[in-house]
PDB file of N, CA and C in Angstrom:
ATOM      1  N   MET A   1     -10.397  -5.221  26.405  1.00  0.00           N
ATOM      2  CA  MET A   1     -10.253  -5.625  25.387  1.00  0.00           C
ATOM      3  C   MET A   1      -9.274  -5.305  24.579  1.00  0.00           C
ATOM      4  N   GLU A   2      -9.264  -6.645  23.749  1.00  0.00           N
ATOM      5  CA  GLU A   2      -8.274  -6.647  22.662  1.00  0.00           C
ATOM      6  C   GLU A   2      -8.543  -6.432  21.041  1.00  0.00           C
ATOM      7  N   ILE A   3      -7.266  -6.109  20.766  1.00  0.00           N
ATOM      8  CA  ILE A   3      -7.436  -4.918  19.740  1.00  0.00           C
ATOM      9  C   ILE A   3      -6.896  -6.331  18.263  1.00  0.00           C
ATOM     10  N   CYS A   4      -8.231  -6.342  17.436  1.00  0.00           N
ATOM     11  CA  CYS A   4      -7.970  -8.033  16.564  1.00  0.00           C
ATOM     12  C   CYS A   4      -6.222  -7.482  16.031  1.00  0.00           C
ATOM     13  N   PRO A   5      -5.361  -8.626  16.474  1.00  0.00           N
ATOM     14  CA  PRO A   5      -3.948  -8.259  15.334  1.00  0.00           C
ATOM     15  C   PRO A   5      -4.246  -8.221  13.703  1.00  0.00           C
ATOM     16  N   TYR A   6      -5.205  -9.107  13.206  1.00  0.00           N
ATOM     17  CA  TYR A   6      -5.065  -8.588  11.676  1.00  0.00           C
ATOM     18  C   TYR A   6      -5.267  -7.377  11.383  1.00  0.00           C
ATOM     19  N   LEU A   7      -6.192  -6.711  12.401  1.00  0.00           N
ATOM     20  CA  LEU A   7      -6.681  -4.846  11.891  1.00  0.00           C
ATOM     21  C   LEU A   7      -5.276  -4.429  12.125  1.00  0.00           C
ATOM     22  N   GLN A   8      -4.997  -4.691  13.645  1.00  0.00           N
ATOM     23  CA  GLN A   8      -3.384  -3.978  13.988  1.00  0.00           C
ATOM     24  C   GLN A   8      -2.427  -4.715  12.273  1.00  0.00           C
ATOM     25  N   TYR A   9      -1.940  -5.847  11.897  1.00  0.00           N
ATOM     26  CA  TYR A   9      -1.458  -6.155  11.010  1.00  0.00           C
ATOM     27  C   TYR A   9      -1.252  -4.960   9.636  1.00  0.00           C
ATOM     28  N   SER A  10      -2.466  -4.788   9.223  1.00  0.00           N
ATOM     29  CA  SER A  10      -3.101  -4.014   7.765  1.00  0.00           C
ATOM     30  C   SER A  10      -2.799  -2.581   8.495  1.00  0.00           C
ATOM     31  N   PHE A  11      -2.878  -1.966   9.338  1.00  0.00           N
ATOM     32  CA  PHE A  11      -2.320  -1.090   9.712  1.00  0.00           C
ATOM     33  C   PHE A  11      -1.241  -0.181   9.379  1.00  0.00           C
ATOM     34  N   GLU A  12      -0.612  -1.652  10.272  1.00  0.00           N
ATOM     35  CA  GLU A  12       1.078  -1.536  10.554  1.00  0.00           C
ATOM     36  C   GLU A  12       1.518  -1.495   8.884  1.00  0.00           C
ATOM     37  N   ILE A  13       0.790  -1.502   7.958  1.00  0.00           N
ATOM     38  CA  ILE A  13       1.333  -1.898   6.592  1.00  0.00           C
ATOM     39  C   ILE A  13       0.830  -0.400   6.136  1.00  0.00           C
ATOM     40  N   LEU A  14      -0.362  -0.170   6.148  1.00  0.00           N
ATOM     41  CA  LEU A  14      -1.095   0.680   4.922  1.00  0.00           C
ATOM     42  C   LEU A  14      -1.308   2.139   5.734  1.00  0.00           C
ATOM     43  N   GLY A  15      -1.043   2.030   7.315  1.00  0.00           N
ATOM     44  CA  GLY A  15      -0.851   3.574   7.745  1.00  0.00           C
ATOM     45  C   GLY A  15       0.456   3.717   7.708  1.00  0.00           C
ATOM     46  N   LYS A  16       1.454   4.082   7.262  1.00  0.00           N
ATOM     47  CA  LYS A  16       2.752   4.290   6.488  1.00  0.00           C
ATOM     48  C   LYS A  16       2.441   4.850   5.833  1.00  0.00           C
ATOM     49  N   LYS A  17       2.417   6.474   5.718  1.00  0.00           N
ATOM     50  CA  LYS A  17       2.856   7.406   4.994  1.00  0.00           C
ATOM     51  C   LYS A  17       3.640   6.986   3.104  1.00  0.00           C
ATOM     52  N   TRP A  18       2.569   7.422   1.768  1.00  0.00           N
ATOM     53  CA  TRP A  18       2.681   6.597   1.197  1.00  0.00           C
ATOM     54  C   TRP A  18       2.641   4.881   0.381  1.00  0.00           C
ATOM     55  N   ASN A  19       1.873   4.413   1.381  1.00  0.00           N
ATOM     56  CA  ASN A  19       2.355   3.294   1.254  1.00  0.00           C
ATOM     57  C   ASN A  19       0.577   2.367   0.489  1.00  0.00           C
ATOM     58  N   GLY A  20      -0.172   3.071   0.553  1.00  0.00           N
ATOM     59  CA  GLY A  20      -1.858   2.659   0.351  1.00  0.00           C
ATOM     60  C   GLY A  20      -1.786   3.846  -0.625  1.00  0.00           C
ATOM     61  N   LEU A  21      -1.234   4.637  -1.082  1.00  0.00           N
ATOM     62  CA  LEU A  21      -1.104   5.149  -2.499  1.00  0.00           C
ATOM     63  C   LEU A  21      -0.165   4.707  -3.072  1.00  0.00           C
ATOM     64  N   ILE A  22       0.556   3.921  -3.091  1.00  0.00           N
ATOM     65  CA  ILE A  22       1.219   3.283  -4.226  1.00  0.00           C
ATOM     66  C   ILE A  22       0.940   2.154  -4.602  1.00  0.00           C
ATOM     67  N   VAL A  23       0.420   1.652  -3.332  1.00  0.00           N
ATOM     68  CA  VAL A  23      -0.172   0.361  -3.992  1.00  0.00           C
ATOM     69  C   VAL A  23      -1.686   0.372  -4.263  1.00  0.00           C
ATOM     70  N   HIS A  24      -2.527   1.553  -4.421  1.00  0.00           N
ATOM     71  CA  HIS A  24      -3.668   1.870  -4.866  1.00  0.00           C
ATOM     72  C   HIS A  24      -2.638   2.303  -6.625  1.00  0.00           C
ATOM     73  N   TYR A  25      -1.728   3.004  -6.615  1.00  0.00           N
ATOM     74  CA  TYR A  25      -1.596   3.321  -7.658  1.00  0.00           C
ATOM     75  C   TYR A  25      -1.214   1.894  -8.826  1.00  0.00           C
ATOM     76  N   LEU A  26      -0.447   1.473  -8.430  1.00  0.00           N
ATOM     77  CA  LEU A  26       0.010   0.192  -9.308  1.00  0.00           C
ATOM     78  C   LEU A  26      -1.243  -0.679  -9.432  1.00  0.00           C
ATOM     79  N   SER A  27      -2.265  -0.260  -8.696  1.00  0.00           N
ATOM     80  CA  SER A  27      -3.357  -1.263  -8.815  1.00  0.00           C
ATOM     81  C   SER A  27      -4.533  -0.457 -10.031  1.00  0.00           C
ATOM     82  N   ILE A  28      -4.187   0.679 -10.376  1.00  0.00           N
ATOM     83  CA  ILE A  28      -4.552   1.532 -11.590  1.00  0.00           C
ATOM     84  C   ILE A  28      -4.342   1.627 -12.520  1.00  0.00           C
ATOM     85  N   CYS A  29      -2.921   1.147 -12.650  1.00  0.00           N
ATOM     86  CA  CYS A  29      -1.973   1.506 -14.168  1.00  0.00           C
ATOM     87  C   CYS A  29      -2.432   0.794 -15.322  1.00  0.00           C
ATOM     88  N   PRO A  30      -2.455   1.020 -16.085  1.00  0.00           N
ATOM     89  CA  PRO A  30      -3.213   0.489 -17.565  1.00  0.00           C
ATOM     90  C   PRO A  30      -2.281  -0.749 -17.544  1.00  0.00           C
ATOM     91  N   ASN A  31      -1.357  -1.314 -17.420  1.00  0.00           N
ATOM     92  CA  ASN A  31      -0.293  -2.539 -18.155  1.00  0.00           C
ATOM     93  C   ASN A  31      -0.488  -3.047 -16.709  1.00  0.00           C
ATOM     94  N   GLY A  32      -0.685  -2.498 -15.532  1.00  0.00           N
ATOM     95  CA  GLY A  32      -0.394  -3.121 -14.549  1.00  0.00           C
ATOM     96  C   GLY A  32       1.337  -3.556 -13.815  1.00  0.00           C
ATOM     97  N   SER A  33       1.687  -2.445 -14.246  1.00  0.00           N
ATOM     98  CA  SER A  33       3.108  -2.009 -13.649  1.00  0.00           C
ATOM     99  C   SER A  33       3.535  -0.520 -13.502  1.00  0.00           C
ATOM    100  N   ALA A  34       4.588  -0.432 -13.344  1.00  0.00           N
ATOM    101  CA  ALA A  34       4.807   0.787 -13.448  1.00  0.00           C
ATOM    102  C   ALA A  34       6.464   0.955 -13.421  1.00  0.00           C
ATOM    103  N   HIS A  35       7.040   1.785 -13.901  1.00  0.00           N
ATOM    104  CA  HIS A  35       8.783   2.426 -13.706  1.00  0.00           C
ATOM    105  C   HIS A  35       8.991   3.258 -12.671  1.00  0.00           C
ATOM    106  N   PHE A  36      10.090   3.107 -12.423  1.00  0.00           N
ATOM    107  CA  PHE A  36      10.030   4.102 -11.036  1.00  0.00           C
ATOM    108  C   PHE A  36      10.267   5.795 -11.197  1.00  0.00           C
ATOM    109  N   SER A  37      10.001   6.186 -12.392  1.00  0.00           N
ATOM    110  CA  SER A  37      10.540   7.497 -13.162  1.00  0.00           C
ATOM    111  C   SER A  37       8.721   7.909 -13.520  1.00  0.00           C
ATOM    112  N   GLU A  38       7.802   6.926 -13.657  1.00  0.00           N
ATOM    113  CA  GLU A  38       6.488   6.862 -13.527  1.00  0.00           C
ATOM    114  C   GLU A  38       5.924   7.028 -12.337  1.00  0.00           C
ATOM    115  N   MET A  39       6.346   6.647 -11.507  1.00  0.00           N
ATOM    116  CA  MET A  39       5.584   7.065 -10.459  1.00  0.00           C
ATOM    117  C   MET A  39       6.106   8.205  -9.755  1.00  0.00           C
ATOM    118  N   LYS A  40       7.275   8.637  -9.995  1.00  0.00           N
ATOM    119  CA  LYS A  40       7.744   9.789  -9.075  1.00  0.00           C
ATOM    120  C   LYS A  40       6.714  10.786  -9.928  1.00  0.00           C
ATOM    121  N   ARG A  41       7.216  10.726 -11.199  1.00  0.00           N
ATOM    122  CA  ARG A  41       6.268  11.809 -11.739  1.00  0.00           C
ATOM    123  C   ARG A  41       4.827  12.014 -11.668  1.00  0.00           C
ATOM    124  N   ASP A  42       4.307  11.010 -11.383  1.00  0.00           N
ATOM    125  CA  ASP A  42       2.691  10.920 -10.802  1.00  0.00           C
ATOM    126  C   ASP A  42       2.724  10.992  -9.528  1.00  0.00           C
ATOM    127  N   LEU A  43       3.334  10.846  -8.623  1.00  0.00           N
ATOM    128  CA  LEU A  43       3.147  10.997  -7.291  1.00  0.00           C
ATOM    129  C   LEU A  43       4.382  12.035  -6.891  1.00  0.00           C
ATOM    130  N   PRO A  44       4.117  13.179  -7.325  1.00  0.00           N
ATOM    131  CA  PRO A  44       4.859  14.459  -6.979  1.00  0.00           C
ATOM    132  C   PRO A  44       5.545  14.577  -5.764  1.00  0.00           C
ATOM    133  N   ASP A  45       4.845  14.282  -4.689  1.00  0.00           N
ATOM    134  CA  ASP A  45       5.131  14.854  -3.464  1.00  0.00           C
ATOM    135  C   ASP A  45       6.032  14.458  -2.934  1.00  0.00           C
ATOM    136  N   ILE A  46       6.092  12.937  -3.375  1.00  0.00           N
ATOM    137  CA  ILE A  46       7.284  11.864  -2.252  1.00  0.00           C
ATOM    138  C   ILE A  46       8.923  12.393  -3.224  1.00  0.00           C
ATOM    139  N   THR A  47       9.915  12.243  -2.386  1.00  0.00           N
ATOM    140  CA  THR A  47      10.825  12.468  -2.627  1.00  0.00           C
ATOM    141  C   THR A  47      11.365  10.674  -3.521  1.00  0.00           C
ATOM    142  N   PRO A  48      12.673  10.856  -3.951  1.00  0.00           N
ATOM    143  CA  PRO A  48      13.214   9.592  -4.829  1.00  0.00           C
ATOM    144  C   PRO A  48      13.174   8.920  -3.731  1.00  0.00           C
ATOM    145  N   ARG A  49      14.314   9.303  -2.582  1.00  0.00           N
ATOM    146  CA  ARG A  49      14.268   8.092  -1.539  1.00  0.00           C
ATOM    147  C   ARG A  49      13.232   7.809  -0.761  1.00  0.00           C
ATOM    148  N   SER A  50      12.373   8.237  -0.595  1.00  0.00           N
ATOM    149  CA  SER A  50      11.332   7.774   0.119  1.00  0.00           C
ATOM    150  C   SER A  50      10.919   7.178  -0.786  1.00  0.00           C
ATOM    151  N   LEU A  51      10.280   7.195  -2.192  1.00  0.00           N
ATOM    152  CA  LEU A  51       9.910   6.147  -2.883  1.00  0.00           C
ATOM    153  C   LEU A  51      10.747   4.961  -3.190  1.00  0.00           C
ATOM    154  N   SER A  52      12.088   5.358  -3.024  1.00  0.00           N
ATOM    155  CA  SER A  52      12.884   3.725  -2.950  1.00  0.00           C
ATOM    156  C   SER A  52      12.583   3.354  -1.973  1.00  0.00           C
ATOM    157  N   LEU A  53      12.432   3.733  -1.158  1.00  0.00           N
ATOM    158  CA  LEU A  53      12.728   2.769   0.384  1.00  0.00           C
ATOM    159  C   LEU A  53      10.950   1.909   0.492  1.00  0.00           C
ATOM    160  N   LYS A  54      10.102   3.172   0.548  1.00  0.00           N
ATOM    161  CA  LYS A  54       8.584   2.483   0.256  1.00  0.00           C
ATOM    162  C   LYS A  54       8.606   1.079  -0.526  1.00  0.00           C
ATOM    163  N   LEU A  55       8.941   1.577  -1.644  1.00  0.00           N
ATOM    164  CA  LEU A  55       9.059   0.120  -2.769  1.00  0.00           C
ATOM    165  C   LEU A  55       9.847  -1.070  -2.470  1.00  0.00           C
ATOM    166  N   THR A  56      10.866  -0.758  -1.409  1.00  0.00           N
ATOM    167  CA  THR A  56      11.238  -1.966  -1.130  1.00  0.00           C
ATOM    168  C   THR A  56      11.578  -2.399   0.212  1.00  0.00           C
ATOM    169  N   GLU A  57       9.853  -1.605   0.848  1.00  0.00           N
ATOM    170  CA  GLU A  57       9.337  -1.802   1.684  1.00  0.00           C
ATOM    171  C   GLU A  57       7.956  -2.727   1.617  1.00  0.00           C
ATOM    172  N   LEU A  58       7.486  -2.248   0.726  1.00  0.00           N
ATOM    173  CA  LEU A  58       6.076  -3.016   0.471  1.00  0.00           C
ATOM    174  C   LEU A  58       6.313  -4.497  -0.557  1.00  0.00           C
ATOM    175  N   GLY A  59       7.726  -4.182  -0.909  1.00  0.00           N
ATOM    176  CA  GLY A  59       8.199  -5.784  -1.360  1.00  0.00           C
ATOM    177  C   GLY A  59       8.455  -6.432  -0.341  1.00  0.00           C
ATOM    178  N   GLU A  60       8.975  -6.546   1.075  1.00  0.00           N
ATOM    179  CA  GLU A  60       9.326  -7.142   1.764  1.00  0.00           C
ATOM    180  C   GLU A  60       8.023  -7.712   2.758  1.00  0.00           C
ATOM    181  N   TYR A  61       6.735  -6.813   2.300  1.00  0.00           N
ATOM    182  CA  TYR A  61       5.402  -7.554   3.247  1.00  0.00           C
ATOM    183  C   TYR A  61       4.933  -8.036   2.061  1.00  0.00           C
ATOM    184  N   GLY A  62       5.234  -8.572   0.731  1.00  0.00           N
ATOM    185  CA  GLY A  62       5.266  -8.968  -0.509  1.00  0.00           C
ATOM    186  C   GLY A  62       4.220  -8.763  -1.249  1.00  0.00           C
ATOM    187  N   LEU A  63       3.645  -7.544  -0.534  1.00  0.00           N
ATOM    188  CA  LEU A  63       2.689  -6.588  -1.627  1.00  0.00           C
ATOM    189  C   LEU A  63       3.064  -6.344  -3.373  1.00  0.00           C
ATOM    190  N   ILE A  64       4.335  -5.954  -3.319  1.00  0.00           N
ATOM    191  CA  ILE A  64       4.812  -5.519  -4.635  1.00  0.00           C
ATOM    192  C   ILE A  64       6.248  -6.253  -5.172  1.00  0.00           C
ATOM    193  N   GLU A  65       6.351  -6.701  -6.433  1.00  0.00           N
ATOM    194  CA  GLU A  65       7.473  -7.123  -7.014  1.00  0.00           C
ATOM    195  C   GLU A  65       8.255  -6.174  -7.951  1.00  0.00           C
ATOM    196  N   LYS A  66       9.566  -6.290  -7.915  1.00  0.00           N
ATOM    197  CA  LYS A  66      10.382  -5.532  -8.262  1.00  0.00           C
ATOM    198  C   LYS A  66      10.816  -6.668 -10.301  1.00  0.00           C
ATOM    199  N   LYS A  67      10.539  -6.300 -11.073  1.00  0.00           N
ATOM    200  CA  LYS A  67      10.431  -6.678 -12.054  1.00  0.00           C
ATOM    201  C   LYS A  67      11.901  -6.238 -12.969  1.00  0.00           C
ATOM    202  N   VAL A  68      12.807  -7.370 -13.167  1.00  0.00           N
ATOM    203  CA  VAL A  68      14.315  -6.695 -14.234  1.00  0.00           C
ATOM    204  C   VAL A  68      14.237  -8.341 -14.945  1.00  0.00           C
ATOM    205  N   VAL A  69      14.117  -6.714 -16.451  1.00  0.00           N
ATOM    206  CA  VAL A  69      14.203  -6.508 -17.621  1.00  0.00           C
ATOM    207  C   VAL A  69      15.599  -6.837 -18.121  1.00  0.00           C
ATOM    208  N   THR A  70      16.669  -8.058 -18.016  1.00  0.00           N
ATOM    209  CA  THR A  70      18.401  -7.564 -18.504  1.00  0.00           C
ATOM    210  C   THR A  70      18.172  -7.179 -20.106  1.00  0.00           C
ATOM    211  N   GLY A  71      19.368  -6.561 -20.625  1.00  0.00           N
ATOM    212  CA  GLY A  71      19.412  -5.688 -22.041  1.00  0.00           C
ATOM    213  C   GLY A  71      19.972  -4.516 -21.362  1.00  0.00           C
ATOM    214  N   SER A  72      19.969  -3.912 -22.587  1.00  0.00           N
ATOM    215  CA  SER A  72      20.626  -2.553 -22.748  1.00  0.00           C
ATOM    216  C   SER A  72      19.684  -1.181 -23.258  1.00  0.00           C
ATOM    217  N   PRO A  73      19.029  -0.660 -22.323  1.00  0.00           N
ATOM    218  CA  PRO A  73      19.461  -0.737 -20.635  1.00  0.00           C
ATOM    219  C   PRO A  73      18.776  -1.870 -20.109  1.00  0.00           C
ATOM    220  N   VAL A  74      19.194  -1.843 -18.646  1.00  0.00           N
ATOM    221  CA  VAL A  74      18.081  -2.587 -17.799  1.00  0.00           C
ATOM    222  C   VAL A  74      16.709  -1.980 -17.850  1.00  0.00           C
ATOM    223  N   ILE A  75      15.706  -2.879 -17.827  1.00  0.00           N
ATOM    224  CA  ILE A  75      14.393  -1.923 -17.837  1.00  0.00           C
ATOM    225  C   ILE A  75      13.509  -3.118 -16.245  1.00  0.00           C
ATOM    226  N   ILE A  76      13.302  -1.860 -15.036  1.00  0.00           N
ATOM    227  CA  ILE A  76      12.927  -2.459 -13.890  1.00  0.00           C
ATOM    228  C   ILE A  76      11.344  -1.862 -13.786  1.00  0.00           C
ATOM    229  N   SER A  77      10.514  -2.599 -13.100  1.00  0.00           N
ATOM    230  CA  SER A  77       9.259  -1.706 -13.528  1.00  0.00           C
ATOM    231  C   SER A  77       9.029  -2.568 -12.365  1.00  0.00           C
ATOM    232  N   TYR A  78       7.542  -2.141 -11.685  1.00  0.00           N
ATOM    233  CA  TYR A  78       6.990  -2.643 -10.327  1.00  0.00           C
ATOM    234  C   TYR A  78       5.926  -2.963 -10.752  1.00  0.00           C
ATOM    235  N   GLU A  79       4.774  -4.134  -9.856  1.00  0.00           N
ATOM    236  CA  GLU A  79       3.798  -4.549 -10.036  1.00  0.00           C
ATOM    237  C   GLU A  79       3.364  -5.151  -8.671  1.00  0.00           C
ATOM    238  N   LEU A  80       2.043  -5.064  -8.268  1.00  0.00           N
ATOM    239  CA  LEU A  80       1.586  -5.766  -7.164  1.00  0.00           C
ATOM    240  C   LEU A  80       1.244  -7.501  -7.075  1.00  0.00           C
ATOM    241  N   THR A  81       1.672  -8.015  -6.558  1.00  0.00           N
ATOM    242  CA  THR A  81       1.358  -9.166  -6.308  1.00  0.00           C
ATOM    243  C   THR A  81       0.255 -10.101  -6.024  1.00  0.00           C
ATOM    244  N   GLU A  82      -0.316 -11.051  -6.107  1.00  0.00           N
ATOM    245  CA  GLU A  82      -1.412 -11.466  -5.732  1.00  0.00           C
ATOM    246  C   GLU A  82      -2.079 -10.838  -4.601  1.00  0.00           C
ATOM    247  N   LYS A  83      -1.134 -10.882  -3.260  1.00  0.00           N
ATOM    248  CA  LYS A  83      -1.399 -10.385  -1.677  1.00  0.00           C
ATOM    249  C   LYS A  83      -1.894  -8.807  -2.465  1.00  0.00           C
ATOM    250  N   GLY A  84      -0.800  -7.674  -3.133  1.00  0.00           N
ATOM    251  CA  GLY A  84      -1.067  -6.649  -3.507  1.00  0.00           C
ATOM    252  C   GLY A  84      -2.336  -6.362  -3.809  1.00  0.00           C
ATOM    253  N   ARG A  85      -2.816  -7.202  -4.815  1.00  0.00           N
ATOM    254  CA  ARG A  85      -4.176  -7.243  -5.326  1.00  0.00           C
ATOM    255  C   ARG A  85      -4.798  -7.356  -4.699  1.00  0.00           C
ATOM    256  N   SER A  86      -5.149  -7.863  -3.950  1.00  0.00           N
ATOM    257  CA  SER A  86      -6.107  -8.307  -3.147  1.00  0.00           C
ATOM    258  C   SER A  86      -6.570  -6.801  -1.945  1.00  0.00           C
ATOM    259  N   LEU A  87      -5.730  -6.227  -2.017  1.00  0.00           N
ATOM    260  CA  LEU A  87      -5.666  -4.752  -1.182  1.00  0.00           C
ATOM    261  C   LEU A  87      -6.954  -3.636  -1.698  1.00  0.00           C
ATOM    262  N   THR A  88      -7.469  -3.482  -3.030  1.00  0.00           N
ATOM    263  CA  THR A  88      -7.671  -3.188  -4.013  1.00  0.00           C
ATOM    264  C   THR A  88      -9.323  -3.079  -3.727  1.00  0.00           C
ATOM    265  N   ALA A  89     -10.059  -4.020  -3.040  1.00  0.00           N
ATOM    266  CA  ALA A  89     -10.979  -3.855  -2.723  1.00  0.00           C
ATOM    267  C   ALA A  89     -11.397  -2.498  -1.523  1.00  0.00           C
ATOM    268  N   ALA A  90     -10.369  -3.221  -0.931  1.00  0.00           N
ATOM    269  CA  ALA A  90     -10.378  -2.394   0.682  1.00  0.00           C
ATOM    270  C   ALA A  90      -9.956  -0.874  -0.052  1.00  0.00           C
ATOM    271  N   LEU A  91      -9.292  -0.582  -0.776  1.00  0.00           N
ATOM    272  CA  LEU A  91      -8.562   0.470  -0.811  1.00  0.00           C
ATOM    273  C   LEU A  91      -9.595   1.371  -1.687  1.00  0.00           C
ATOM    274  N   GLU A  92     -10.413   0.677  -2.331  1.00  0.00           N
ATOM    275  CA  GLU A  92     -11.580   1.303  -3.012  1.00  0.00           C
ATOM    276  C   GLU A  92     -12.413   1.755  -1.718  1.00  0.00           C
ATOM    277  N   SER A  93     -12.495   1.107  -0.943  1.00  0.00           N
ATOM    278  CA  SER A  93     -13.993   1.332   0.152  1.00  0.00           C
ATOM    279  C   SER A  93     -13.356   2.464   0.843  1.00  0.00           C
ATOM    280  N   ILE A  94     -12.178   2.281   1.318  1.00  0.00           N
ATOM    281  CA  ILE A  94     -11.664   3.863   1.832  1.00  0.00           C
ATOM    282  C   ILE A  94     -11.521   4.828   0.547  1.00  0.00           C
ATOM    283  N   GLN A  95     -11.609   5.168  -0.533  1.00  0.00           N
ATOM    284  CA  GLN A  95     -11.647   6.032  -1.524  1.00  0.00           C
ATOM    285  C   GLN A  95     -13.245   6.561  -1.354  1.00  0.00           C
ATOM    286  N   LYS A  96     -14.004   5.724  -1.413  1.00  0.00           N
ATOM    287  CA  LYS A  96     -15.419   5.867  -0.832  1.00  0.00           C
ATOM    288  C   LYS A  96     -15.765   6.445   0.247  1.00  0.00           C
ATOM    289  N   TRP A  97     -15.148   6.121   1.241  1.00  0.00           N
ATOM    290  CA  TRP A  97     -15.724   6.745   2.034  1.00  0.00           C
ATOM    291  C   TRP A  97     -14.828   7.690   2.477  1.00  0.00           C
ATOM    292  N   ALA A  98     -14.098   8.283   2.103  1.00  0.00           N
ATOM    293  CA  ALA A  98     -13.522   9.619   1.953  1.00  0.00           C
ATOM    294  C   ALA A  98     -13.948  10.535   1.136  1.00  0.00           C
ATOM    295  N   LEU A  99     -14.492   9.966  -0.217  1.00  0.00           N
ATOM    296  CA  LEU A  99     -15.539  11.210  -0.566  1.00  0.00           C
ATOM    297  C   LEU A  99     -16.828  11.382  -0.540  1.00  0.00           C
ATOM    298  N   GLN A 100     -17.406  10.709   0.396  1.00  0.00           N
ATOM    299  CA  GLN A 100     -18.767  11.014   1.417  1.00  0.00           C
ATOM    300  C   GLN A 100     -18.314  12.253   2.238  1.00  0.00           C
ATOM    301  N   TYR A 101     -17.206  11.517   3.322  1.00  0.00           N
ATOM    302  CA  TYR A 101     -17.047  12.452   3.907  1.00  0.00           C
ATOM    303  C   TYR A 101     -16.014  13.491   4.268  1.00  0.00           C
ATOM    304  N   LYS A 102     -14.932  13.698   3.002  1.00  0.00           N
ATOM    305  CA  LYS A 102     -13.963  14.457   3.466  1.00  0.00           C
ATOM    306  C   LYS A 102     -14.259  15.918   2.615  1.00  0.00           C
ATOM    307  N   ASN A 103     -14.313  17.027   3.662  1.00  0.00           N
ATOM    308  CA  ASN A 103     -14.680  18.319   3.607  1.00  0.00           C
ATOM    309  C   ASN A 103     -13.838  18.743   2.306  1.00  0.00           C
TER     310      ASN A 103
END
């Protein structure tokens, strides 16, 4: 029996620590984007280094986009791409499953 390569691809991304939570976090941000400091504040268990690495990784997968507004000071924010937003329904289903079965 073969494992579906598409399912394997999705778990390659979402199965890594923090990836799913970061995508979910960005999906529920009121303005659709967040600054690094906001994510660090609201996801307190992740180290700044890990957060930085995960944001880069999710960007490489095409799930998030880094927006830079030049000026003084430079403003950097992160938001989901269309590909990242398309994961919202899947993450909501996982959340519903966890609500039902987590002890």
